[in-house]
Amino acid sequence: MDLRGGTTTSETIAQMLHTQPSLVRRTMAALRAAGYVESIVGPGGGWALRRELSDLTVRDIYAAIASKSAFAIGTADDNPACPVESTVNRFLDDALNSAEEELLRRFAQMRLSVMARYVKVPKP
């Protein structure tokens, strides 16, 4: 939105991301609830930033839209009484928690304004 100079519709964002506008609207609704974007109605409307990119980090965005762990892998729950499974789960949980903490720490250091400087926008 910032690189486009104003508002951007869900349909345009969906085309850029090769996804459905409904998914974009759900994601943007979460960002709106966090106070990062707003929806503008009417001609020329769409989604617009409410915060400066320099005020936002990847962690901010992640926190607004993530609902689960950062990782698709996790512990097994096939047989909670199994001592092997419970031991593996304990070690796996520890490793995943440490990895997620480090990932979120790095996300907190990544400002969207810095990332935007590296985007190469094609000329019309």
PDB file of N, CA and C in Angstrom:
ATOM      1  N   MET A   1       0.831  -1.186   0.000  1.00  0.00           N
ATOM      2  CA  MET A   1       0.000   0.000   0.000  1.00  0.00           C
ATOM      3  C   MET A   1       0.874   1.249   0.000  1.00  0.00           C
ATOM      4  N   ASP A   2       1.910   1.213   0.814  1.00  0.00           N
ATOM      5  CA  ASP A   2       2.815   2.356   0.872  1.00  0.00           C
ATOM      6  C   ASP A   2       3.503   2.560  -0.467  1.00  0.00           C
ATOM      7  N   LEU A   3       3.973   1.494  -1.067  1.00  0.00           N
ATOM      8  CA  LEU A   3       4.677   1.597  -2.346  1.00  0.00           C
ATOM      9  C   LEU A   3       3.742   1.982  -3.484  1.00  0.00           C
ATOM     10  N   ARG A   4       2.456   1.718  -3.323  1.00  0.00           N
ATOM     11  CA  ARG A   4       1.477   2.089  -4.346  1.00  0.00           C
ATOM     12  C   ARG A   4       0.974   3.514  -4.134  1.00  0.00           C
ATOM     13  N   GLY A   5       1.375   4.139  -3.029  1.00  0.00           N
ATOM     14  CA  GLY A   5       1.047   5.542  -2.808  1.00  0.00           C
ATOM     15  C   GLY A   5      -0.344   5.833  -2.291  1.00  0.00           C
ATOM     16  N   GLY A   6      -0.966   4.892  -1.641  1.00  0.00           N
ATOM     17  CA  GLY A   6      -2.297   5.163  -1.091  1.00  0.00           C
ATOM     18  C   GLY A   6      -3.084   3.902  -0.866  1.00  0.00           C
ATOM     19  N   THR A   7      -4.353   3.946  -1.275  1.00  0.00           N
ATOM     20  CA  THR A   7      -5.232   2.807  -1.038  1.00  0.00           C
ATOM     21  C   THR A   7      -5.012   1.721  -2.087  1.00  0.00           C
ATOM     22  N   THR A   8      -5.289   0.499  -1.675  1.00  0.00           N
ATOM     23  CA  THR A   8      -5.188  -0.652  -2.560  1.00  0.00           C
ATOM     24  C   THR A   8      -6.365  -1.576  -2.257  1.00  0.00           C
ATOM     25  N   THR A   9      -7.030  -2.024  -3.280  1.00  0.00           N
ATOM     26  CA  THR A   9      -8.195  -2.885  -3.078  1.00  0.00           C
ATOM     27  C   THR A   9      -7.781  -4.315  -2.734  1.00  0.00           C
ATOM     28  N   SER A  10      -8.701  -5.035  -2.129  1.00  0.00           N
ATOM     29  CA  SER A  10      -8.479  -6.453  -1.827  1.00  0.00           C
ATOM     30  C   SER A  10      -8.225  -7.243  -3.104  1.00  0.00           C
ATOM     31  N   GLU A  11      -8.919  -6.881  -4.163  1.00  0.00           N
ATOM     32  CA  GLU A  11      -8.758  -7.575  -5.436  1.00  0.00           C
ATOM     33  C   GLU A  11      -7.347  -7.378  -5.989  1.00  0.00           C
ATOM     34  N   THR A  12      -6.821  -6.164  -5.911  1.00  0.00           N
ATOM     35  CA  THR A  12      -5.470  -5.890  -6.398  1.00  0.00           C
ATOM     36  C   THR A  12      -4.433  -6.636  -5.573  1.00  0.00           C
ATOM     37  N   ILE A  13      -4.595  -6.601  -4.252  1.00  0.00           N
ATOM     38  CA  ILE A  13      -3.661  -7.321  -3.369  1.00  0.00           C
ATOM     39  C   ILE A  13      -3.731  -8.818  -3.661  1.00  0.00           C
ATOM     40  N   ALA A  14      -4.934  -9.344  -3.870  1.00  0.00           N
ATOM     41  CA  ALA A  14      -5.106 -10.768  -4.166  1.00  0.00           C
ATOM     42  C   ALA A  14      -4.405 -11.134  -5.468  1.00  0.00           C
ATOM     43  N   GLN A  15      -4.501 -10.285  -6.473  1.00  0.00           N
ATOM     44  CA  GLN A  15      -3.805 -10.550  -7.742  1.00  0.00           C
ATOM     45  C   GLN A  15      -2.297 -10.575  -7.526  1.00  0.00           C
ATOM     46  N   MET A  16      -1.780  -9.646  -6.746  1.00  0.00           N
ATOM     47  CA  MET A  16      -0.335  -9.597  -6.499  1.00  0.00           C
ATOM     48  C   MET A  16       0.139 -10.835  -5.755  1.00  0.00           C
ATOM     49  N   LEU A  17      -0.691 -11.362  -4.854  1.00  0.00           N
ATOM     50  CA  LEU A  17      -0.310 -12.506  -4.028  1.00  0.00           C
ATOM     51  C   LEU A  17      -0.775 -13.844  -4.603  1.00  0.00           C
ATOM     52  N   HIS A  18      -1.465 -13.800  -5.749  1.00  0.00           N
ATOM     53  CA  HIS A  18      -1.999 -15.015  -6.371  1.00  0.00           C
ATOM     54  C   HIS A  18      -2.885 -15.788  -5.387  1.00  0.00           C
ATOM     55  N   THR A  19      -3.842 -15.064  -4.811  1.00  0.00           N
ATOM     56  CA  THR A  19      -4.771 -15.681  -3.864  1.00  0.00           C
ATOM     57  C   THR A  19      -6.158 -15.100  -4.078  1.00  0.00           C
ATOM     58  N   GLN A  20      -7.063 -15.415  -3.192  1.00  0.00           N
ATOM     59  CA  GLN A  20      -8.448 -14.968  -3.283  1.00  0.00           C
ATOM     60  C   GLN A  20      -8.664 -13.671  -2.506  1.00  0.00           C
ATOM     61  N   PRO A  21      -9.480 -12.750  -3.031  1.00  0.00           N
ATOM     62  CA  PRO A  21      -9.779 -11.508  -2.305  1.00  0.00           C
ATOM     63  C   PRO A  21     -10.359 -11.753  -0.911  1.00  0.00           C
ATOM     64  N   SER A  22     -11.121 -12.837  -0.737  1.00  0.00           N
ATOM     65  CA  SER A  22     -11.704 -13.117   0.582  1.00  0.00           C
ATOM     66  C   SER A  22     -10.611 -13.396   1.613  1.00  0.00           C
ATOM     67  N   LEU A  23      -9.538 -14.072   1.214  1.00  0.00           N
ATOM     68  CA  LEU A  23      -8.413 -14.308   2.128  1.00  0.00           C
ATOM     69  C   LEU A  23      -7.731 -12.991   2.471  1.00  0.00           C
ATOM     70  N   VAL A  24      -7.572 -12.131   1.482  1.00  0.00           N
ATOM     71  CA  VAL A  24      -6.976 -10.815   1.721  1.00  0.00           C
ATOM     72  C   VAL A  24      -7.841 -10.026   2.705  1.00  0.00           C
ATOM     73  N   ARG A  25      -9.156 -10.047   2.501  1.00  0.00           N
ATOM     74  CA  ARG A  25     -10.049  -9.292   3.398  1.00  0.00           C
ATOM     75  C   ARG A  25      -9.969  -9.798   4.833  1.00  0.00           C
ATOM     76  N   ARG A  26      -9.873 -11.115   5.029  1.00  0.00           N
ATOM     77  CA  ARG A  26      -9.736 -11.666   6.388  1.00  0.00           C
ATOM     78  C   ARG A  26      -8.419 -11.224   7.022  1.00  0.00           C
ATOM     79  N   THR A  27      -7.351 -11.279   6.242  1.00  0.00           N
ATOM     80  CA  THR A  27      -6.046 -10.866   6.753  1.00  0.00           C
ATOM     81  C   THR A  27      -6.048  -9.373   7.070  1.00  0.00           C
ATOM     82  N   MET A  28      -6.595  -8.585   6.176  1.00  0.00           N
ATOM     83  CA  MET A  28      -6.628  -7.134   6.391  1.00  0.00           C
ATOM     84  C   MET A  28      -7.531  -6.769   7.568  1.00  0.00           C
ATOM     85  N   ALA A  29      -8.578  -7.537   7.792  1.00  0.00           N
ATOM     86  CA  ALA A  29      -9.447  -7.291   8.947  1.00  0.00           C
ATOM     87  C   ALA A  29      -8.661  -7.459  10.244  1.00  0.00           C
ATOM     88  N   ALA A  30      -7.777  -8.458  10.283  1.00  0.00           N
ATOM     89  CA  ALA A  30      -6.932  -8.647  11.476  1.00  0.00           C
ATOM     90  C   ALA A  30      -5.959  -7.478  11.640  1.00  0.00           C
ATOM     91  N   LEU A  31      -5.418  -6.995  10.532  1.00  0.00           N
ATOM     92  CA  LEU A  31      -4.515  -5.833  10.602  1.00  0.00           C
ATOM     93  C   LEU A  31      -5.280  -4.567  10.985  1.00  0.00           C
ATOM     94  N   ARG A  32      -6.531  -4.471  10.548  1.00  0.00           N
ATOM     95  CA  ARG A  32      -7.367  -3.328  10.945  1.00  0.00           C
ATOM     96  C   ARG A  32      -7.648  -3.380  12.444  1.00  0.00           C
ATOM     97  N   ALA A  33      -7.949  -4.560  12.961  1.00  0.00           N
ATOM     98  CA  ALA A  33      -8.218  -4.703  14.396  1.00  0.00           C
ATOM     99  C   ALA A  33      -6.994  -4.314  15.224  1.00  0.00           C
ATOM    100  N   ALA A  34      -5.811  -4.520  14.665  1.00  0.00           N
ATOM    101  CA  ALA A  34      -4.576  -4.142  15.367  1.00  0.00           C
ATOM    102  C   ALA A  34      -4.261  -2.652  15.198  1.00  0.00           C
ATOM    103  N   GLY A  35      -5.018  -1.967  14.343  1.00  0.00           N
ATOM    104  CA  GLY A  35      -4.809  -0.535  14.142  1.00  0.00           C
ATOM    105  C   GLY A  35      -3.758  -0.188  13.100  1.00  0.00           C
ATOM    106  N   TYR A  36      -3.401  -1.158  12.256  1.00  0.00           N
ATOM    107  CA  TYR A  36      -2.341  -0.931  11.269  1.00  0.00           C
ATOM    108  C   TYR A  36      -2.859  -0.452   9.923  1.00  0.00           C
ATOM    109  N   VAL A  37      -4.084  -0.821   9.581  1.00  0.00           N
ATOM    110  CA  VAL A  37      -4.691  -0.400   8.319  1.00  0.00           C
ATOM    111  C   VAL A  37      -6.122   0.052   8.585  1.00  0.00           C
ATOM    112  N   GLU A  38      -6.686   0.700   7.573  1.00  0.00           N
ATOM    113  CA  GLU A  38      -8.099   1.059   7.623  1.00  0.00           C
ATOM    114  C   GLU A  38      -8.693   0.810   6.242  1.00  0.00           C
ATOM    115  N   SER A  39      -9.997   0.615   6.212  1.00  0.00           N
ATOM    116  CA  SER A  39     -10.658   0.442   4.921  1.00  0.00           C
ATOM    117  C   SER A  39     -11.354   1.750   4.568  1.00  0.00           C
ATOM    118  N   ILE A  40     -11.159   2.171   3.334  1.00  0.00           N
ATOM    119  CA  ILE A  40     -11.743   3.403   2.810  1.00  0.00           C
ATOM    120  C   ILE A  40     -12.816   2.992   1.812  1.00  0.00           C
ATOM    121  N   VAL A  41     -14.028   3.506   1.986  1.00  0.00           N
ATOM    122  CA  VAL A  41     -15.125   3.159   1.081  1.00  0.00           C
ATOM    123  C   VAL A  41     -15.241   4.190  -0.026  1.00  0.00           C
ATOM    124  N   GLY A  42     -15.926   3.798  -1.089  1.00  0.00           N
ATOM    125  CA  GLY A  42     -16.201   4.717  -2.179  1.00  0.00           C
ATOM    126  C   GLY A  42     -15.180   4.635  -3.294  1.00  0.00           C
ATOM    127  N   PRO A  43     -15.388   5.502  -4.312  1.00  0.00           N
ATOM    128  CA  PRO A  43     -14.451   5.518  -5.444  1.00  0.00           C
ATOM    129  C   PRO A  43     -13.027   5.830  -4.964  1.00  0.00           C
ATOM    130  N   GLY A  44     -12.084   5.068  -5.475  1.00  0.00           N
ATOM    131  CA  GLY A  44     -10.698   5.250  -5.044  1.00  0.00           C
ATOM    132  C   GLY A  44     -10.413   4.631  -3.696  1.00  0.00           C
ATOM    133  N   GLY A  45     -11.384   3.893  -3.162  1.00  0.00           N
ATOM    134  CA  GLY A  45     -11.229   3.294  -1.841  1.00  0.00           C
ATOM    135  C   GLY A  45     -10.413   2.023  -1.876  1.00  0.00           C
ATOM    136  N   GLY A  46     -10.318   1.421  -0.723  1.00  0.00           N
ATOM    137  CA  GLY A  46      -9.549   0.196  -0.558  1.00  0.00           C
ATOM    138  C   GLY A  46      -8.928   0.193   0.821  1.00  0.00           C
ATOM    139  N   TRP A  47      -7.803  -0.464   0.943  1.00  0.00           N
ATOM    140  CA  TRP A  47      -7.084  -0.534   2.207  1.00  0.00           C
ATOM    141  C   TRP A  47      -5.981   0.516   2.223  1.00  0.00           C
ATOM    142  N   ALA A  48      -5.815   1.169   3.371  1.00  0.00           N
ATOM    143  CA  ALA A  48      -4.766   2.186   3.517  1.00  0.00           C
ATOM    144  C   ALA A  48      -4.076   1.993   4.856  1.00  0.00           C
ATOM    145  N   LEU A  49      -2.814   2.327   4.885  1.00  0.00           N
ATOM    146  CA  LEU A  49      -2.049   2.231   6.128  1.00  0.00           C
ATOM    147  C   LEU A  49      -2.501   3.290   7.120  1.00  0.00           C
ATOM    148  N   ARG A  50      -2.551   2.925   8.376  1.00  0.00           N
ATOM    149  CA  ARG A  50      -2.832   3.885   9.452  1.00  0.00           C
ATOM    150  C   ARG A  50      -1.569   4.219  10.227  1.00  0.00           C
ATOM    151  N   ARG A  51      -0.501   3.472  10.000  1.00  0.00           N
ATOM    152  CA  ARG A  51       0.766   3.674  10.696  1.00  0.00           C
ATOM    153  C   ARG A  51       1.870   3.833   9.667  1.00  0.00           C
ATOM    154  N   GLU A  52       2.916   4.504  10.058  1.00  0.00           N
ATOM    155  CA  GLU A  52       4.090   4.622   9.201  1.00  0.00           C
ATOM    156  C   GLU A  52       4.814   3.277   9.160  1.00  0.00           C
ATOM    157  N   LEU A  53       5.394   2.950   8.023  1.00  0.00           N
ATOM    158  CA  LEU A  53       6.135   1.696   7.924  1.00  0.00           C
ATOM    159  C   LEU A  53       7.271   1.638   8.933  1.00  0.00           C
ATOM    160  N   SER A  54       7.844   2.778   9.248  1.00  0.00           N
ATOM    161  CA  SER A  54       8.954   2.807  10.215  1.00  0.00           C
ATOM    162  C   SER A  54       8.492   2.459  11.625  1.00  0.00           C
ATOM    163  N   ASP A  55       7.191   2.519  11.871  1.00  0.00           N
ATOM    164  CA  ASP A  55       6.642   2.179  13.188  1.00  0.00           C
ATOM    165  C   ASP A  55       6.292   0.686  13.304  1.00  0.00           C
ATOM    166  N   LEU A  56       6.363  -0.035  12.194  1.00  0.00           N
ATOM    167  CA  LEU A  56       5.904  -1.421  12.183  1.00  0.00           C
ATOM    168  C   LEU A  56       7.051  -2.390  11.933  1.00  0.00           C
ATOM    169  N   THR A  57       6.986  -3.508  12.642  1.00  0.00           N
ATOM    170  CA  THR A  57       7.949  -4.585  12.429  1.00  0.00           C
ATOM    171  C   THR A  57       7.223  -5.814  11.899  1.00  0.00           C
ATOM    172  N   VAL A  58       8.004  -6.750  11.401  1.00  0.00           N
ATOM    173  CA  VAL A  58       7.421  -8.016  10.952  1.00  0.00           C
ATOM    174  C   VAL A  58       6.737  -8.714  12.129  1.00  0.00           C
ATOM    175  N   ARG A  59       7.296  -8.556  13.322  1.00  0.00           N
ATOM    176  CA  ARG A  59       6.658  -9.174  14.496  1.00  0.00           C
ATOM    177  C   ARG A  59       5.273  -8.581  14.751  1.00  0.00           C
ATOM    178  N   ASP A  60       5.120  -7.274  14.556  1.00  0.00           N
ATOM    179  CA  ASP A  60       3.808  -6.645  14.722  1.00  0.00           C
ATOM    180  C   ASP A  60       2.779  -7.296  13.792  1.00  0.00           C
ATOM    181  N   ILE A  61       3.176  -7.460  12.541  1.00  0.00           N
ATOM    182  CA  ILE A  61       2.268  -8.046  11.561  1.00  0.00           C
ATOM    183  C   ILE A  61       1.996  -9.507  11.901  1.00  0.00           C
ATOM    184  N   TYR A  62       3.045 -10.231  12.248  1.00  0.00           N
ATOM    185  CA  TYR A  62       2.899 -11.636  12.625  1.00  0.00           C
ATOM    186  C   TYR A  62       1.927 -11.772  13.804  1.00  0.00           C
ATOM    187  N   ALA A  63       2.108 -10.932  14.815  1.00  0.00           N
ATOM    188  CA  ALA A  63       1.246 -11.003  16.001  1.00  0.00           C
ATOM    189  C   ALA A  63      -0.207 -10.699  15.650  1.00  0.00           C
ATOM    190  N   ALA A  64      -0.419  -9.828  14.689  1.00  0.00           N
ATOM    191  CA  ALA A  64      -1.783  -9.466  14.319  1.00  0.00           C
ATOM    192  C   ALA A  64      -2.489 -10.561  13.530  1.00  0.00           C
ATOM    193  N   ILE A  65      -1.745 -11.308  12.727  1.00  0.00           N
ATOM    194  CA  ILE A  65      -2.417 -12.271  11.842  1.00  0.00           C
ATOM    195  C   ILE A  65      -2.198 -13.735  12.208  1.00  0.00           C
ATOM    196  N   ALA A  66      -1.184 -14.038  13.005  1.00  0.00           N
ATOM    197  CA  ALA A  66      -0.913 -15.446  13.331  1.00  0.00           C
ATOM    198  C   ALA A  66      -1.876 -15.946  14.393  1.00  0.00           C
ATOM    199  N   SER A  67      -2.332 -17.155  14.203  1.00  0.00           N
ATOM    200  CA  SER A  67      -3.237 -17.722  15.202  1.00  0.00           C
ATOM    201  C   SER A  67      -2.671 -18.993  15.825  1.00  0.00           C
ATOM    202  N   LYS A  68      -1.572 -19.472  15.268  1.00  0.00           N
ATOM    203  CA  LYS A  68      -0.972 -20.704  15.755  1.00  0.00           C
ATOM    204  C   LYS A  68       0.526 -20.522  15.857  1.00  0.00           C
ATOM    205  N   SER A  69       1.193 -21.594  16.080  1.00  0.00           N
ATOM    206  CA  SER A  69       2.648 -21.595  16.135  1.00  0.00           C
ATOM    207  C   SER A  69       3.236 -21.187  14.788  1.00  0.00           C
ATOM    208  N   ALA A  70       4.436 -20.686  14.827  1.00  0.00           N
ATOM    209  CA  ALA A  70       5.129 -20.307  13.602  1.00  0.00           C
ATOM    210  C   ALA A  70       5.507 -21.518  12.768  1.00  0.00           C
ATOM    211  N   PHE A  71       5.486 -22.696  13.354  1.00  0.00           N
ATOM    212  CA  PHE A  71       5.935 -23.900  12.665  1.00  0.00           C
ATOM    213  C   PHE A  71       4.789 -24.860  12.411  1.00  0.00           C
ATOM    214  N   ALA A  72       4.848 -25.529  11.285  1.00  0.00           N
ATOM    215  CA  ALA A  72       3.811 -26.492  10.928  1.00  0.00           C
ATOM    216  C   ALA A  72       4.022 -27.834  11.630  1.00  0.00           C
ATOM    217  N   ILE A  73       5.216 -28.051  12.147  1.00  0.00           N
ATOM    218  CA  ILE A  73       5.473 -29.298  12.854  1.00  0.00           C
ATOM    219  C   ILE A  73       5.160 -29.108  14.328  1.00  0.00           C
ATOM    220  N   GLY A  74       4.953 -30.219  15.004  1.00  0.00           N
ATOM    221  CA  GLY A  74       4.662 -30.143  16.434  1.00  0.00           C
ATOM    222  C   GLY A  74       4.745 -31.511  17.056  1.00  0.00           C
ATOM    223  N   THR A  75       4.303 -31.566  18.278  1.00  0.00           N
ATOM    224  CA  THR A  75       4.364 -32.823  19.009  1.00  0.00           C
ATOM    225  C   THR A  75       3.266 -33.774  18.561  1.00  0.00           C
ATOM    226  N   ALA A  76       3.484 -35.051  18.830  1.00  0.00           N
ATOM    227  CA  ALA A  76       2.501 -36.080  18.507  1.00  0.00           C
ATOM    228  C   ALA A  76       1.561 -36.260  19.700  1.00  0.00           C
ATOM    229  N   ASP A  77       0.362 -36.686  19.404  1.00  0.00           N
ATOM    230  CA  ASP A  77      -0.613 -36.950  20.456  1.00  0.00           C
ATOM    231  C   ASP A  77      -1.302 -38.282  20.163  1.00  0.00           C
ATOM    232  N   ASP A  78      -0.512 -39.208  19.635  1.00  0.00           N
ATOM    233  CA  ASP A  78      -1.080 -40.503  19.262  1.00  0.00           C
ATOM    234  C   ASP A  78      -1.342 -41.384  20.473  1.00  0.00           C
ATOM    235  N   ASN A  79      -0.385 -41.363  21.421  1.00  0.00           N
ATOM    236  CA  ASN A  79      -0.508 -42.216  22.593  1.00  0.00           C
ATOM    237  C   ASN A  79       0.146 -41.503  23.783  1.00  0.00           C
ATOM    238  N   PRO A  80      -0.599 -40.633  24.461  1.00  0.00           N
ATOM    239  CA  PRO A  80      -0.033 -39.868  25.567  1.00  0.00           C
ATOM    240  C   PRO A  80       0.564 -40.732  26.680  1.00  0.00           C
ATOM    241  N   ALA A  81       0.154 -41.963  26.789  1.00  0.00           N
ATOM    242  CA  ALA A  81       0.692 -42.847  27.827  1.00  0.00           C
ATOM    243  C   ALA A  81       2.051 -43.434  27.442  1.00  0.00           C
ATOM    244  N   CYS A  82       2.460 -43.283  26.191  1.00  0.00           N
ATOM    245  CA  CYS A  82       3.718 -43.849  25.722  1.00  0.00           C
ATOM    246  C   CYS A  82       4.892 -43.027  26.260  1.00  0.00           C
ATOM    247  N   PRO A  83       5.797 -43.666  27.001  1.00  0.00           N
ATOM    248  CA  PRO A  83       6.925 -42.919  27.560  1.00  0.00           C
ATOM    249  C   PRO A  83       7.872 -42.375  26.489  1.00  0.00           C
ATOM    250  N   VAL A  84       8.001 -43.048  25.367  1.00  0.00           N
ATOM    251  CA  VAL A  84       8.866 -42.557  24.281  1.00  0.00           C
ATOM    252  C   VAL A  84       8.247 -41.299  23.675  1.00  0.00           C
ATOM    253  N   GLU A  85       6.950 -41.371  23.379  1.00  0.00           N
ATOM    254  CA  GLU A  85       6.266 -40.205  22.809  1.00  0.00           C
ATOM    255  C   GLU A  85       6.360 -39.009  23.744  1.00  0.00           C
ATOM    256  N   SER A  86       6.121 -39.199  25.018  1.00  0.00           N
ATOM    257  CA  SER A  86       6.140 -38.068  25.946  1.00  0.00           C
ATOM    258  C   SER A  86       7.548 -37.484  26.073  1.00  0.00           C
ATOM    259  N   THR A  87       8.579 -38.334  26.027  1.00  0.00           N
ATOM    260  CA  THR A  87       9.957 -37.836  26.088  1.00  0.00           C
ATOM    261  C   THR A  87      10.304 -37.054  24.820  1.00  0.00           C
ATOM    262  N   VAL A  88       9.971 -37.606  23.673  1.00  0.00           N
ATOM    263  CA  VAL A  88      10.226 -36.913  22.406  1.00  0.00           C
ATOM    264  C   VAL A  88       9.468 -35.582  22.387  1.00  0.00           C
ATOM    265  N   ASN A  89       8.219 -35.591  22.826  1.00  0.00           N
ATOM    266  CA  ASN A  89       7.423 -34.368  22.848  1.00  0.00           C
ATOM    267  C   ASN A  89       8.063 -33.292  23.723  1.00  0.00           C
ATOM    268  N   ARG A  90       8.588 -33.693  24.868  1.00  0.00           N
ATOM    269  CA  ARG A  90       9.218 -32.735  25.783  1.00  0.00           C
ATOM    270  C   ARG A  90      10.423 -32.070  25.099  1.00  0.00           C
ATOM    271  N   PHE A  91      11.270 -32.876  24.470  1.00  0.00           N
ATOM    272  CA  PHE A  91      12.445 -32.333  23.786  1.00  0.00           C
ATOM    273  C   PHE A  91      12.053 -31.506  22.559  1.00  0.00           C
ATOM    274  N   LEU A  92      11.070 -31.980  21.817  1.00  0.00           N
ATOM    275  CA  LEU A  92      10.603 -31.262  20.642  1.00  0.00           C
ATOM    276  C   LEU A  92       9.981 -29.930  21.031  1.00  0.00           C
ATOM    277  N   ASP A  93       9.140 -29.934  22.074  1.00  0.00           N
ATOM    278  CA  ASP A  93       8.550 -28.680  22.560  1.00  0.00           C
ATOM    279  C   ASP A  93       9.630 -27.668  22.940  1.00  0.00           C
ATOM    280  N   ASP A  94      10.647 -28.128  23.652  1.00  0.00           N
ATOM    281  CA  ASP A  94      11.730 -27.239  24.060  1.00  0.00           C
ATOM    282  C   ASP A  94      12.432 -26.640  22.844  1.00  0.00           C
ATOM    283  N   ALA A  95      12.747 -27.475  21.860  1.00  0.00           N
ATOM    284  CA  ALA A  95      13.428 -26.996  20.659  1.00  0.00           C
ATOM    285  C   ALA A  95      12.554 -26.025  19.863  1.00  0.00           C
ATOM    286  N   LEU A  96      11.296 -26.361  19.699  1.00  0.00           N
ATOM    287  CA  LEU A  96      10.394 -25.484  18.940  1.00  0.00           C
ATOM    288  C   LEU A  96      10.159 -24.164  19.657  1.00  0.00           C
ATOM    289  N   ASN A  97      10.009 -24.206  20.979  1.00  0.00           N
ATOM    290  CA  ASN A  97       9.828 -22.962  21.733  1.00  0.00           C
ATOM    291  C   ASN A  97      11.048 -22.057  21.611  1.00  0.00           C
ATOM    292  N   SER A  98      12.229 -22.635  21.699  1.00  0.00           N
ATOM    293  CA  SER A  98      13.455 -21.847  21.548  1.00  0.00           C
ATOM    294  C   SER A  98      13.558 -21.248  20.149  1.00  0.00           C
ATOM    295  N   ALA A  99      13.247 -22.060  19.149  1.00  0.00           N
ATOM    296  CA  ALA A  99      13.316 -21.583  17.768  1.00  0.00           C
ATOM    297  C   ALA A  99      12.298 -20.470  17.516  1.00  0.00           C
ATOM    298  N   GLU A 100      11.096 -20.623  18.064  1.00  0.00           N
ATOM    299  CA  GLU A 100      10.072 -19.597  17.865  1.00  0.00           C
ATOM    300  C   GLU A 100      10.450 -18.302  18.580  1.00  0.00           C
ATOM    301  N   GLU A 101      11.009 -18.399  19.762  1.00  0.00           N
ATOM    302  CA  GLU A 101      11.470 -17.197  20.473  1.00  0.00           C
ATOM    303  C   GLU A 101      12.521 -16.452  19.654  1.00  0.00           C
ATOM    304  N   GLU A 102      13.466 -17.183  19.078  1.00  0.00           N
ATOM    305  CA  GLU A 102      14.506 -16.566  18.261  1.00  0.00           C
ATOM    306  C   GLU A 102      13.910 -15.950  16.999  1.00  0.00           C
ATOM    307  N   LEU A 103      12.998 -16.655  16.359  1.00  0.00           N
ATOM    308  CA  LEU A 103      12.343 -16.129  15.168  1.00  0.00           C
ATOM    309  C   LEU A 103      11.608 -14.829  15.475  1.00  0.00           C
ATOM    310  N   LEU A 104      10.857 -14.804  16.568  1.00  0.00           N
ATOM    311  CA  LEU A 104      10.113 -13.605  16.942  1.00  0.00           C
ATOM    312  C   LEU A 104      11.051 -12.468  17.329  1.00  0.00           C
ATOM    313  N   ARG A 105      12.188 -12.784  17.946  1.00  0.00           N
ATOM    314  CA  ARG A 105      13.175 -11.763  18.272  1.00  0.00           C
ATOM    315  C   ARG A 105      13.702 -11.122  16.980  1.00  0.00           C
ATOM    316  N   ARG A 106      13.978 -11.960  15.996  1.00  0.00           N
ATOM    317  CA  ARG A 106      14.459 -11.440  14.710  1.00  0.00           C
ATOM    318  C   ARG A 106      13.370 -10.660  13.990  1.00  0.00           C
ATOM    319  N   PHE A 107      12.130 -11.149  14.043  1.00  0.00           N
ATOM    320  CA  PHE A 107      11.009 -10.416  13.446  1.00  0.00           C
ATOM    321  C   PHE A 107      10.892  -9.016  14.050  1.00  0.00           C
ATOM    322  N   ALA A 108      11.111  -8.902  15.345  1.00  0.00           N
ATOM    323  CA  ALA A 108      10.997  -7.609  16.029  1.00  0.00           C
ATOM    324  C   ALA A 108      12.060  -6.621  15.563  1.00  0.00           C
ATOM    325  N   GLN A 109      13.133  -7.113  14.996  1.00  0.00           N
ATOM    326  CA  GLN A 109      14.210  -6.245  14.506  1.00  0.00           C
ATOM    327  C   GLN A 109      14.006  -5.825  13.050  1.00  0.00           C
ATOM    328  N   MET A 110      13.026  -6.407  12.385  1.00  0.00           N
ATOM    329  CA  MET A 110      12.826  -6.156  10.958  1.00  0.00           C
ATOM    330  C   MET A 110      11.738  -5.109  10.747  1.00  0.00           C
ATOM    331  N   ARG A 111      12.150  -3.872  10.473  1.00  0.00           N
ATOM    332  CA  ARG A 111      11.207  -2.779  10.212  1.00  0.00           C
ATOM    333  C   ARG A 111      10.699  -2.862   8.772  1.00  0.00           C
ATOM    334  N   LEU A 112       9.397  -2.621   8.600  1.00  0.00           N
ATOM    335  CA  LEU A 112       8.829  -2.670   7.260  1.00  0.00           C
ATOM    336  C   LEU A 112       9.416  -1.580   6.368  1.00  0.00           C
ATOM    337  N   SER A 113       9.773  -0.451   6.949  1.00  0.00           N
ATOM    338  CA  SER A 113      10.359   0.637   6.155  1.00  0.00           C
ATOM    339  C   SER A 113      11.689   0.222   5.543  1.00  0.00           C
ATOM    340  N   VAL A 114      12.475  -0.541   6.264  1.00  0.00           N
ATOM    341  CA  VAL A 114      13.754  -1.018   5.733  1.00  0.00           C
ATOM    342  C   VAL A 114      13.497  -2.028   4.621  1.00  0.00           C
ATOM    343  N   MET A 115      12.579  -2.928   4.844  1.00  0.00           N
ATOM    344  CA  MET A 115      12.265  -3.926   3.830  1.00  0.00           C
ATOM    345  C   MET A 115      11.755  -3.250   2.555  1.00  0.00           C
ATOM    346  N   ALA A 116      10.934  -2.218   2.702  1.00  0.00           N
ATOM    347  CA  ALA A 116      10.361  -1.534   1.537  1.00  0.00           C
ATOM    348  C   ALA A 116      11.438  -0.917   0.644  1.00  0.00           C
ATOM    349  N   ARG A 117      12.539  -0.528   1.227  1.00  0.00           N
ATOM    350  CA  ARG A 117      13.628   0.058   0.422  1.00  0.00           C
ATOM    351  C   ARG A 117      14.227  -0.949  -0.545  1.00  0.00           C
ATOM    352  N   TYR A 118      14.073  -2.221  -0.288  1.00  0.00           N
ATOM    353  CA  TYR A 118      14.648  -3.257  -1.140  1.00  0.00           C
ATOM    354  C   TYR A 118      13.690  -3.767  -2.212  1.00  0.00           C
ATOM    355  N   VAL A 119      12.455  -3.291  -2.173  1.00  0.00           N
ATOM    356  CA  VAL A 119      11.458  -3.743  -3.156  1.00  0.00           C
ATOM    357  C   VAL A 119      11.705  -3.028  -4.476  1.00  0.00           C
ATOM    358  N   LYS A 120      11.784  -3.798  -5.510  1.00  0.00           N
ATOM    359  CA  LYS A 120      11.945  -3.239  -6.851  1.00  0.00           C
ATOM    360  C   LYS A 120      10.564  -3.212  -7.519  1.00  0.00           C
ATOM    361  N   VAL A 121      10.000  -2.032  -7.659  1.00  0.00           N
ATOM    362  CA  VAL A 121       8.676  -1.879  -8.244  1.00  0.00           C
ATOM    363  C   VAL A 121       8.834  -1.687  -9.746  1.00  0.00           C
ATOM    364  N   PRO A 122       8.178  -2.526 -10.548  1.00  0.00           N
ATOM    365  CA  PRO A 122       8.289  -2.362 -12.012  1.00  0.00           C
ATOM    366  C   PRO A 122       7.685  -1.039 -12.451  1.00  0.00           C
ATOM    367  N   LYS A 123       8.318  -0.431 -13.410  1.00  0.00           N
ATOM    368  CA  LYS A 123       7.816   0.832 -13.985  1.00  0.00           C
ATOM    369  C   LYS A 123       6.652   0.512 -14.917  1.00  0.00           C
ATOM    370  N   PRO A 124       5.591   1.352 -14.889  1.00  0.00           N
ATOM    371  CA  PRO A 124       4.433   1.089 -15.777  1.00  0.00           C
ATOM    372  C   PRO A 124       4.756   1.270 -17.238  1.00  0.00           C
TER     373      PRO A 124
END
